[in-house]
C-alpha atoms as a PDB file:
ATOM      1  CA  MET A   1      -0.083  -0.025  -0.042  1.00  0.00           C
ATOM      2  CA  ALA A   2       1.457   3.550  -0.973  1.00  0.00           C
ATOM      3  CA  ALA A   3       2.136   6.144   1.517  1.00  0.00           C
ATOM      4  CA  GLU A   4       2.287   9.815   0.965  1.00  0.00           C
ATOM      5  CA  VAL A   5       4.702  12.311   2.452  1.00  0.00           C
ATOM      6  CA  SER A   6       4.500  16.015   1.764  1.00  0.00           C
ATOM      7  CA  PHE A   7       7.544  18.330   1.895  1.00  0.00           C
ATOM      8  CA  ARG A   8       9.134  21.546   0.953  1.00  0.00           C
ATOM      9  CA  VAL A   9      11.570  22.108  -2.067  1.00  0.00           C
ATOM     10  CA  GLU A  10      13.992  24.833  -2.810  1.00  0.00           C
ATOM     11  CA  THR A  11      14.368  24.976  -6.709  1.00  0.00           C
ATOM     12  CA  SER A  12      15.962  27.400  -9.085  1.00  0.00           C
ATOM     13  CA  ASP A  13      12.299  28.293  -9.798  1.00  0.00           C
ATOM     14  CA  GLY A  14      11.727  28.988  -6.419  1.00  0.00           C
ATOM     15  CA  PRO A  15      10.333  27.107  -3.352  1.00  0.00           C
ATOM     16  CA  GLY A  16       7.176  24.808  -3.458  1.00  0.00           C
ATOM     17  CA  ALA A  17       5.404  22.414  -1.433  1.00  0.00           C
ATOM     18  CA  LEU A  18       5.009  18.973  -2.892  1.00  0.00           C
ATOM     19  CA  SER A  19       3.509  15.496  -2.098  1.00  0.00           C
ATOM     20  CA  VAL A  20       5.317  12.145  -3.321  1.00  0.00           C
ATOM     21  CA  ALA A  21       3.501   8.863  -3.137  1.00  0.00           C
ATOM     22  CA  TYR A  22       5.778   6.004  -2.372  1.00  0.00           C
ATOM     23  CA  GLU A  23       6.398   2.179  -0.959  1.00  0.00           C
ATOM     24  CA  ARG A  24       8.696   1.457   1.634  1.00  0.00           C
ATOM     25  CA  ALA A  25       9.800  -1.985   2.656  1.00  0.00           C
ATOM     26  CA  GLY A  26      12.844  -4.096   4.272  1.00  0.00           C
ATOM     27  CA  THR A  27      15.861  -3.131   6.453  1.00  0.00           C
ATOM     28  CA  GLY A  28      19.208  -2.588   5.486  1.00  0.00           C
ATOM     29  CA  GLU A  29      21.108   0.624   3.660  1.00  0.00           C
ATOM     30  CA  PRO A  30      18.327   2.673   1.803  1.00  0.00           C
ATOM     31  CA  LEU A  31      17.906   2.207  -1.952  1.00  0.00           C
ATOM     32  CA  LEU A  32      15.703   4.287  -3.672  1.00  0.00           C
ATOM     33  CA  LEU A  33      13.677   3.233  -7.190  1.00  0.00           C
ATOM     34  CA  LEU A  34      12.743   5.596  -9.773  1.00  0.00           C
ATOM     35  CA  HIS A  35      10.315   5.041 -12.770  1.00  0.00           C
ATOM     36  CA  GLY A  36      10.575   6.056 -16.116  1.00  0.00           C
ATOM     37  CA  ILE A  37       8.091   8.666 -18.216  1.00  0.00           C
ATOM     38  CA  GLY A  38       4.490   7.812 -18.039  1.00  0.00           C
ATOM     39  CA  HIS A  39       5.011   4.764 -15.790  1.00  0.00           C
ATOM     40  CA  HIS A  40       4.571   4.620 -11.794  1.00  0.00           C
ATOM     41  CA  LEU A  41       6.138   2.589  -8.854  1.00  0.00           C
ATOM     42  CA  GLN A  42       4.493  -0.372  -9.562  1.00  0.00           C
ATOM     43  CA  ALA A  43       6.985  -0.933 -12.533  1.00  0.00           C
ATOM     44  CA  TRP A  44       9.435  -1.920  -9.601  1.00  0.00           C
ATOM     45  CA  ASP A  45       7.269  -4.757  -8.231  1.00  0.00           C
ATOM     46  CA  PRO A  46       8.595  -7.574 -10.045  1.00  0.00           C
ATOM     47  CA  VAL A  47      12.199  -6.825  -8.106  1.00  0.00           C
ATOM     48  CA  PHE A  48      10.627  -5.045  -5.402  1.00  0.00           C
ATOM     49  CA  GLY A  49      10.764  -8.194  -2.695  1.00  0.00           C
ATOM     50  CA  ILE A  50      13.695  -9.194  -4.008  1.00  0.00           C
ATOM     51  CA  LEU A  51      15.556  -6.146  -3.042  1.00  0.00           C
ATOM     52  CA  ALA A  52      13.854  -5.869   0.180  1.00  0.00           C
ATOM     53  CA  THR A  53      15.566  -8.885   1.634  1.00  0.00           C
ATOM     54  CA  GLU A  54      18.845  -6.800   1.726  1.00  0.00           C
ATOM     55  CA  TYR A  55      17.896  -3.070   1.670  1.00  0.00           C
ATOM     56  CA  ASP A  56      15.274  -0.533   3.038  1.00  0.00           C
ATOM     57  CA  VAL A  57      13.700  -0.080  -0.079  1.00  0.00           C
ATOM     58  CA  ILE A  58      11.734   3.275  -1.157  1.00  0.00           C
ATOM     59  CA  ALA A  59       9.915   2.952  -4.648  1.00  0.00           C
ATOM     60  CA  VAL A  60       8.471   6.552  -5.694  1.00  0.00           C
ATOM     61  CA  ASP A  61       5.552   8.189  -7.774  1.00  0.00           C
ATOM     62  CA  LEU A  62       7.702  10.884  -9.648  1.00  0.00           C
ATOM     63  CA  PRO A  63       5.982  14.209  -9.408  1.00  0.00           C
ATOM     64  CA  GLY A  64       2.928  14.240 -11.946  1.00  0.00           C
ATOM     65  CA  PHE A  65       3.063  10.438 -12.130  1.00  0.00           C
ATOM     66  CA  GLY A  66       1.520   7.607 -10.712  1.00  0.00           C
ATOM     67  CA  ALA A  67      -0.219   8.534  -7.229  1.00  0.00           C
ATOM     68  CA  SER A  68       1.879  11.944  -7.026  1.00  0.00           C
ATOM     69  CA  PRO A  69       0.253  15.152  -7.504  1.00  0.00           C
ATOM     70  CA  ALA A  70       1.706  17.500 -10.218  1.00  0.00           C
ATOM     71  CA  LEU A  71       4.560  20.134  -9.488  1.00  0.00           C
ATOM     72  CA  PRO A  72       3.028  23.355  -8.206  1.00  0.00           C
ATOM     73  CA  ASP A  73       2.632  26.011 -10.473  1.00  0.00           C
ATOM     74  CA  GLY A  74       5.743  27.520 -11.256  1.00  0.00           C
ATOM     75  CA  LEU A  75       7.956  24.636 -10.962  1.00  0.00           C
ATOM     76  CA  ALA A  76       9.237  23.110 -14.355  1.00  0.00           C
ATOM     77  CA  TYR A  77       9.483  19.431 -14.813  1.00  0.00           C
ATOM     78  CA  ASN A  78      13.152  19.637 -15.526  1.00  0.00           C
ATOM     79  CA  THR A  79      15.741  17.388 -13.945  1.00  0.00           C
ATOM     80  CA  SER A  80      17.356  20.315 -11.906  1.00  0.00           C
ATOM     81  CA  THR A  81      13.620  20.540 -10.204  1.00  0.00           C
ATOM     82  CA  VAL A  82      12.776  16.809  -9.824  1.00  0.00           C
ATOM     83  CA  VAL A  83      16.392  16.242  -8.502  1.00  0.00           C
ATOM     84  CA  SER A  84      15.891  18.893  -5.833  1.00  0.00           C
ATOM     85  CA  ALA A  85      12.756  17.309  -5.114  1.00  0.00           C
ATOM     86  CA  LEU A  86      14.062  13.854  -4.674  1.00  0.00           C
ATOM     87  CA  GLY A  87      16.728  15.262  -2.492  1.00  0.00           C
ATOM     88  CA  ALA A  88      14.143  17.004  -0.181  1.00  0.00           C
ATOM     89  CA  LEU A  89      12.070  13.689  -0.253  1.00  0.00           C
ATOM     90  CA  CYS A  90      15.242  11.806   1.148  1.00  0.00           C
ATOM     91  CA  GLU A  91      15.390  14.455   4.122  1.00  0.00           C
ATOM     92  CA  ALA A  92      11.755  14.329   4.730  1.00  0.00           C
ATOM     93  CA  LEU A  93      12.109  10.488   4.778  1.00  0.00           C
ATOM     94  CA  GLU A  94      15.348  10.684   6.884  1.00  0.00           C
ATOM     95  CA  ILE A  95      17.387   8.887   4.186  1.00  0.00           C
ATOM     96  CA  GLU A  96      21.033   9.764   4.076  1.00  0.00           C
ATOM     97  CA  ARG A  97      22.833   9.103   0.612  1.00  0.00           C
ATOM     98  CA  PRO A  98      20.617   6.193  -0.530  1.00  0.00           C
ATOM     99  CA  HIS A  99      21.590   4.182  -3.099  1.00  0.00           C
ATOM    100  CA  VAL A 100      19.580   4.554  -6.247  1.00  0.00           C
ATOM    101  CA  ALA A 101      18.392   2.653  -9.115  1.00  0.00           C
ATOM    102  CA  GLY A 102      16.466   4.342 -11.897  1.00  0.00           C
ATOM    103  CA  ASN A 103      14.746   3.154 -15.352  1.00  0.00           C
ATOM    104  CA  SER A 104      14.794   5.706 -18.545  1.00  0.00           C
ATOM    105  CA  LEU A 105      13.709   8.888 -17.019  1.00  0.00           C
ATOM    106  CA  GLY A 106      14.288   7.680 -13.736  1.00  0.00           C
ATOM    107  CA  GLY A 107      17.817   6.537 -14.726  1.00  0.00           C
ATOM    108  CA  LEU A 108      18.760  10.069 -16.069  1.00  0.00           C
ATOM    109  CA  LEU A 109      17.723  11.085 -12.730  1.00  0.00           C
ATOM    110  CA  ALA A 110      19.923   8.437 -10.718  1.00  0.00           C
ATOM    111  CA  LEU A 111      22.931   9.752 -12.841  1.00  0.00           C
ATOM    112  CA  GLU A 112      21.997  13.132 -11.989  1.00  0.00           C
ATOM    113  CA  LEU A 113      21.441  12.376  -8.296  1.00  0.00           C
ATOM    114  CA  GLY A 114      24.933  10.558  -8.612  1.00  0.00           C
ATOM    115  CA  ARG A 115      26.623  13.932 -10.382  1.00  0.00           C
ATOM    116  CA  GLU A 116      25.414  15.947  -7.252  1.00  0.00           C
ATOM    117  CA  LYS A 117      26.763  13.264  -4.854  1.00  0.00           C
ATOM    118  CA  LEU A 118      23.278  12.897  -3.062  1.00  0.00           C
ATOM    119  CA  VAL A 119      23.615   9.178  -3.470  1.00  0.00           C
ATOM    120  CA  ARG A 120      26.249   6.327  -2.563  1.00  0.00           C
ATOM    121  CA  SER A 121      25.682   4.276  -6.012  1.00  0.00           C
ATOM    122  CA  VAL A 122      23.729   4.666  -9.132  1.00  0.00           C
ATOM    123  CA  THR A 123      22.219   1.854 -11.450  1.00  0.00           C
ATOM    124  CA  ALA A 124      20.835   3.286 -14.604  1.00  0.00           C
ATOM    125  CA  LEU A 125      18.706   0.875 -16.492  1.00  0.00           C
ATOM    126  CA  SER A 126      18.240   2.378 -20.004  1.00  0.00           C
ATOM    127  CA  PRO A 127      18.625   5.648 -18.867  1.00  0.00           C
ATOM    128  CA  ALA A 128      17.409   8.836 -21.040  1.00  0.00           C
ATOM    129  CA  GLY A 129      20.136  11.540 -22.250  1.00  0.00           C
ATOM    130  CA  PHE A 130      22.312   9.586 -24.413  1.00  0.00           C
ATOM    131  CA  TRP A 131      20.378   9.781 -27.703  1.00  0.00           C
ATOM    132  CA  SER A 132      21.105  11.500 -31.046  1.00  0.00           C
ATOM    133  CA  PRO A 133      18.877  13.840 -32.136  1.00  0.00           C
ATOM    134  CA  ALA A 134      17.274  11.450 -34.468  1.00  0.00           C
ATOM    135  CA  GLU A 135      17.001   8.701 -31.901  1.00  0.00           C
ATOM    136  CA  ARG A 136      15.496  11.236 -29.285  1.00  0.00           C
ATOM    137  CA  ARG A 137      12.478  12.308 -31.768  1.00  0.00           C
ATOM    138  CA  TYR A 138      12.075   8.471 -32.468  1.00  0.00           C
ATOM    139  CA  ALA A 139      11.993   7.856 -28.645  1.00  0.00           C
ATOM    140  CA  PHE A 140       9.240  10.846 -28.043  1.00  0.00           C
ATOM    141  CA  THR A 141       7.456   9.893 -31.218  1.00  0.00           C
ATOM    142  CA  THR A 142       6.826   6.501 -29.732  1.00  0.00           C
ATOM    143  CA  LEU A 143       6.322   7.802 -26.288  1.00  0.00           C
ATOM    144  CA  LEU A 144       3.437   9.865 -27.520  1.00  0.00           C
ATOM    145  CA  ALA A 145       2.033   7.294 -29.603  1.00  0.00           C
ATOM    146  CA  MET A 146       1.734   4.990 -26.682  1.00  0.00           C
ATOM    147  CA  ARG A 147      -0.103   8.066 -24.417  1.00  0.00           C
ATOM    148  CA  HIS A 148      -2.240   9.073 -27.378  1.00  0.00           C
ATOM    149  CA  GLY A 149      -3.464   4.972 -27.468  1.00  0.00           C
ATOM    150  CA  ALA A 150      -3.804   4.813 -23.602  1.00  0.00           C
ATOM    151  CA  ARG A 151      -5.903   7.800 -24.037  1.00  0.00           C
ATOM    152  CA  LEU A 152      -8.292   6.896 -26.676  1.00  0.00           C
ATOM    153  CA  LEU A 153      -9.194   3.453 -25.312  1.00  0.00           C
ATOM    154  CA  PRO A 154     -12.007   3.275 -22.500  1.00  0.00           C
ATOM    155  CA  LEU A 155     -11.475   1.326 -19.472  1.00  0.00           C
ATOM    156  CA  PRO A 156     -13.669  -1.584 -20.767  1.00  0.00           C
ATOM    157  CA  ALA A 157     -11.428  -2.220 -23.661  1.00  0.00           C
ATOM    158  CA  ILE A 158      -8.128  -1.915 -21.727  1.00  0.00           C
ATOM    159  CA  GLU A 159      -9.533  -4.602 -19.705  1.00  0.00           C
ATOM    160  CA  ARG A 160     -10.615  -6.874 -22.403  1.00  0.00           C
ATOM    161  CA  LEU A 161      -7.134  -6.499 -23.733  1.00  0.00           C
ATOM    162  CA  ALA A 162      -5.349  -7.003 -20.624  1.00  0.00           C
ATOM    163  CA  ALA A 163      -7.033 -10.130 -20.125  1.00  0.00           C
ATOM    164  CA  THR A 164      -5.479 -11.941 -22.974  1.00  0.00           C
ATOM    165  CA  ALA A 165      -1.608 -12.545 -23.700  1.00  0.00           C
ATOM    166  CA  ALA A 166      -2.359 -11.175 -27.239  1.00  0.00           C
ATOM    167  CA  GLY A 167      -3.961  -7.867 -25.742  1.00  0.00           C
ATOM    168  CA  ARG A 168      -1.234  -7.627 -22.974  1.00  0.00           C
ATOM    169  CA  ALA A 169       1.423  -7.680 -25.901  1.00  0.00           C
ATOM    170  CA  ALA A 170      -0.715  -5.280 -27.931  1.00  0.00           C
ATOM    171  CA  LEU A 171      -0.889  -2.854 -24.685  1.00  0.00           C
ATOM    172  CA  THR A 172       2.875  -3.102 -23.498  1.00  0.00           C
ATOM    173  CA  SER A 173       5.263  -4.883 -26.153  1.00  0.00           C
ATOM    174  CA  THR A 174       6.841  -1.359 -26.515  1.00  0.00           C
ATOM    175  CA  ILE A 175       8.263  -1.311 -23.421  1.00  0.00           C
ATOM    176  CA  TYR A 176       8.482  -5.234 -22.281  1.00  0.00           C
ATOM    177  CA  ALA A 177      10.047  -7.933 -24.452  1.00  0.00           C
ATOM    178  CA  ARG A 178       8.058 -10.349 -22.566  1.00  0.00           C
ATOM    179  CA  PRO A 179       4.689  -8.800 -22.055  1.00  0.00           C
ATOM    180  CA  GLY A 180       2.829 -12.001 -21.352  1.00  0.00           C
ATOM    181  CA  ARG A 181       4.676 -12.256 -18.235  1.00  0.00           C
ATOM    182  CA  ARG A 182       2.972  -8.823 -16.797  1.00  0.00           C
ATOM    183  CA  SER A 183      -0.325  -9.610 -15.011  1.00  0.00           C
ATOM    184  CA  PRO A 184      -3.889  -8.353 -16.621  1.00  0.00           C
ATOM    185  CA  GLU A 185      -4.208  -6.409 -13.392  1.00  0.00           C
ATOM    186  CA  ALA A 186      -1.070  -4.912 -13.843  1.00  0.00           C
ATOM    187  CA  VAL A 187      -1.329  -3.734 -17.513  1.00  0.00           C
ATOM    188  CA  VAL A 188      -4.294  -2.344 -16.671  1.00  0.00           C
ATOM    189  CA  ALA A 189      -3.196  -0.141 -13.793  1.00  0.00           C
ATOM    190  CA  GLU A 190       0.178   0.919 -15.891  1.00  0.00           C
ATOM    191  CA  THR A 191      -2.323   1.958 -19.035  1.00  0.00           C
ATOM    192  CA  LEU A 192      -4.431   3.821 -16.621  1.00  0.00           C
ATOM    193  CA  ALA A 193      -1.095   5.719 -15.221  1.00  0.00           C
ATOM    194  CA  LEU A 194       0.054   6.261 -18.656  1.00  0.00           C
ATOM    195  CA  ARG A 195      -3.296   7.963 -19.455  1.00  0.00           C
ATOM    196  CA  GLY A 196      -3.404  10.026 -16.370  1.00  0.00           C
ATOM    197  CA  ALA A 197       0.254  11.250 -15.868  1.00  0.00           C
ATOM    198  CA  THR A 198      -0.295  15.040 -15.260  1.00  0.00           C
ATOM    199  CA  GLY A 199       3.320  15.693 -16.056  1.00  0.00           C
ATOM    200  CA  PHE A 200       3.800  13.450 -19.177  1.00  0.00           C
ATOM    201  CA  GLU A 201       3.702  16.483 -21.783  1.00  0.00           C
ATOM    202  CA  GLU A 202       5.612  18.947 -19.695  1.00  0.00           C
ATOM    203  CA  THR A 203       8.482  16.597 -18.766  1.00  0.00           C
ATOM    204  CA  LEU A 204       8.657  15.304 -22.434  1.00  0.00           C
ATOM    205  CA  ALA A 205       9.049  18.811 -23.499  1.00  0.00           C
ATOM    206  CA  ALA A 206      11.649  19.555 -20.818  1.00  0.00           C
ATOM    207  CA  GLY A 207      13.686  16.654 -22.397  1.00  0.00           C
ATOM    208  CA  ARG A 208      13.786  17.888 -25.662  1.00  0.00           C
ATOM    209  CA  ASP A 209      17.441  19.708 -24.469  1.00  0.00           C
ATOM    210  CA  VAL A 210      18.601  16.900 -22.626  1.00  0.00           C
ATOM    211  CA  LEU A 211      21.988  15.527 -22.904  1.00  0.00           C
ATOM    212  CA  PHE A 212      23.892  13.964 -20.139  1.00  0.00           C
ATOM    213  CA  SER A 213      27.118  14.666 -20.837  1.00  0.00           C
ATOM    214  CA  ASP A 214      29.311  14.898 -17.270  1.00  0.00           C
ATOM    215  CA  ASP A 215      31.093  11.954 -15.788  1.00  0.00           C
ATOM    216  CA  VAL A 216      29.907  10.629 -12.200  1.00  0.00           C
ATOM    217  CA  PRO A 217      33.264  10.169 -10.617  1.00  0.00           C
ATOM    218  CA  GLY A 218      33.987   8.788  -6.889  1.00  0.00           C
ATOM    219  CA  LEU A 219      30.971   6.280  -6.858  1.00  0.00           C
ATOM    220  CA  PRO A 220      29.842   2.866  -7.832  1.00  0.00           C
ATOM    221  CA  VAL A 221      27.755   3.395 -11.330  1.00  0.00           C
ATOM    222  CA  THR A 222      26.364   0.584 -13.539  1.00  0.00           C
ATOM    223  CA  VAL A 223      24.773   1.181 -16.728  1.00  0.00           C
ATOM    224  CA  ALA A 224      22.465  -1.621 -18.168  1.00  0.00           C
ATOM    225  CA  TRP A 225      20.643  -1.685 -21.306  1.00  0.00           C
ATOM    226  CA  GLY A 226      17.908  -4.171 -22.573  1.00  0.00           C
ATOM    227  CA  ALA A 227      19.236  -6.231 -25.562  1.00  0.00           C
ATOM    228  CA  ARG A 228      15.584  -5.903 -26.914  1.00  0.00           C
ATOM    229  CA  ASP A 229      14.562  -2.168 -25.806  1.00  0.00           C
ATOM    230  CA  ARG A 230      12.429  -0.742 -28.586  1.00  0.00           C
ATOM    231  CA  ILE A 231      12.410   3.011 -27.392  1.00  0.00           C
ATOM    232  CA  LEU A 232      15.902   4.047 -26.374  1.00  0.00           C
ATOM    233  CA  LEU A 233      18.127   1.557 -28.546  1.00  0.00           C
ATOM    234  CA  ARG A 234      21.350  -0.184 -27.093  1.00  0.00           C
ATOM    235  CA  ARG A 235      24.002   1.651 -28.905  1.00  0.00           C
ATOM    236  CA  GLN A 236      23.306   4.725 -26.309  1.00  0.00           C
ATOM    237  CA  GLY A 237      24.719   2.349 -23.849  1.00  0.00           C
ATOM    238  CA  ILE A 238      28.326   2.916 -25.505  1.00  0.00           C
ATOM    239  CA  ARG A 239      27.908   6.695 -25.631  1.00  0.00           C
ATOM    240  CA  ALA A 240      27.025   6.142 -21.707  1.00  0.00           C
ATOM    241  CA  LYS A 241      30.320   4.468 -21.206  1.00  0.00           C
ATOM    242  CA  HIS A 242      32.267   6.705 -22.853  1.00  0.00           C
ATOM    243  CA  THR A 243      30.537   9.688 -21.016  1.00  0.00           C
ATOM    244  CA  VAL A 244      30.995   7.913 -17.589  1.00  0.00           C
ATOM    245  CA  PRO A 245      34.423   5.988 -18.076  1.00  0.00           C
ATOM    246  CA  ASP A 246      34.244   4.188 -14.868  1.00  0.00           C
ATOM    247  CA  ALA A 247      30.765   2.735 -15.229  1.00  0.00           C
ATOM    248  CA  ARG A 248      30.194  -0.860 -15.446  1.00  0.00           C
ATOM    249  CA  LEU A 249      28.244  -1.371 -18.778  1.00  0.00           C
ATOM    250  CA  VAL A 250      25.907  -4.680 -18.586  1.00  0.00           C
ATOM    251  CA  ARG A 251      23.989  -6.073 -21.361  1.00  0.00           C
ATOM    252  CA  LEU A 252      20.498  -7.345 -20.253  1.00  0.00           C
ATOM    253  CA  PRO A 253      19.755 -10.619 -22.658  1.00  0.00           C
ATOM    254  CA  GLY A 254      16.110 -10.646 -23.544  1.00  0.00           C
ATOM    255  CA  CYS A 255      14.957  -7.455 -21.989  1.00  0.00           C
ATOM    256  CA  GLY A 256      13.139  -4.744 -22.936  1.00  0.00           C
ATOM    257  CA  HIS A 257      13.118  -0.950 -22.275  1.00  0.00           C
ATOM    258  CA  VAL A 258      11.666  -1.673 -18.708  1.00  0.00           C
ATOM    259  CA  PRO A 259      13.685  -4.737 -17.774  1.00  0.00           C
ATOM    260  CA  MET A 260      12.343  -5.395 -14.461  1.00  0.00           C
ATOM    261  CA  ASN A 261       9.425  -7.647 -15.819  1.00  0.00           C
ATOM    262  CA  ASP A 262      11.531  -9.326 -18.158  1.00  0.00           C
ATOM    263  CA  ASP A 263      14.040 -10.752 -15.974  1.00  0.00           C
ATOM    264  CA  PRO A 264      13.559  -9.905 -12.490  1.00  0.00           C
ATOM    265  CA  ALA A 265      16.412 -12.257 -10.843  1.00  0.00           C
ATOM    266  CA  LEU A 266      18.885 -10.481 -13.387  1.00  0.00           C
ATOM    267  CA  VAL A 267      17.650  -6.840 -12.659  1.00  0.00           C
ATOM    268  CA  ALA A 268      17.488  -7.457  -8.860  1.00  0.00           C
ATOM    269  CA  ARG A 269      21.434  -8.895  -9.258  1.00  0.00           C
ATOM    270  CA  VAL A 270      22.977  -5.721 -11.107  1.00  0.00           C
ATOM    271  CA  ILE A 271      21.260  -3.698  -8.980  1.00  0.00           C
ATOM    272  CA  THR A 272      22.599  -5.456  -5.517  1.00  0.00           C
ATOM    273  CA  ASP A 273      25.818  -6.331  -7.240  1.00  0.00           C
ATOM    274  CA  THR A 274      26.142  -1.987  -7.669  1.00  0.00           C
ATOM    275  CA  CYS A 275      25.191  -1.296  -4.054  1.00  0.00           C
ATOM    276  CA  ARG A 276      27.697  -3.974  -2.446  1.00  0.00           C
ATOM    277  CA  ARG A 277      30.711  -2.316  -4.615  1.00  0.00           C
ATOM    278  CA  ALA A 278      29.680   0.906  -2.817  1.00  0.00           C
ATOM    279  CA  THR A 279      29.253  -0.738   0.562  1.00  0.00           C
ATOM    280  CA  ALA A 280      32.742  -2.730  -0.237  1.00  0.00           C
ATOM    281  CA  ALA A 281      34.506   0.772  -1.068  1.00  0.00           C
END
């Protein structure tokens, strides 16, 4: 069951009051989980329980996604604002320098948190920000088409599609290599999350100028890419490795853009390996 925490954040646009939904379980060192654009914290369900056997795991609905309200008027949906919000969230939850794992947009945010030295390790799964202009246009066009489709479909049609393996593939094969593994209830919930994401358009607009171009020195970083990613093509992982030369670059065989569902055991192992490197150091 998701909880909610309210806090204030100071950004370059000024102060604001935020509420963020999250789920938390487990004990040990804190581990923050960040989803991608249009998704919600339940994207981490396949690995959440595995990770909670070793860590104090906090899965977050980013502002304007899932059950988290939109950012207050005057605050932009850019990486600077959201990173500031995540830093303030950690203070509100009394978490000091967590490990962080993020997927897609969440992977970009995880790297930004690492660059700001707000975390102790970074695992970025198919992170945004390493695209060419043509690759970015392709990814954004695909995401907008998914959003448009989710908004056109009435709830009964979504439920009927989610009830069959072929229907789940039609709804989610863009992000999953193995959509049949996702439960009907999860597919309905994430389709509705995509449809109702109040921060979607503004986040996408802010991403048009995003290019991650700085190193993340001084802490363990893993960049992992699904071999069957259909949104952010895996060659972008090579650029990520050039940008963050000390990062470990990992290939995820048989995984799509959101790999947690496609191979939970592998993804959990990649994350825990990164966390353990930081602990050992």
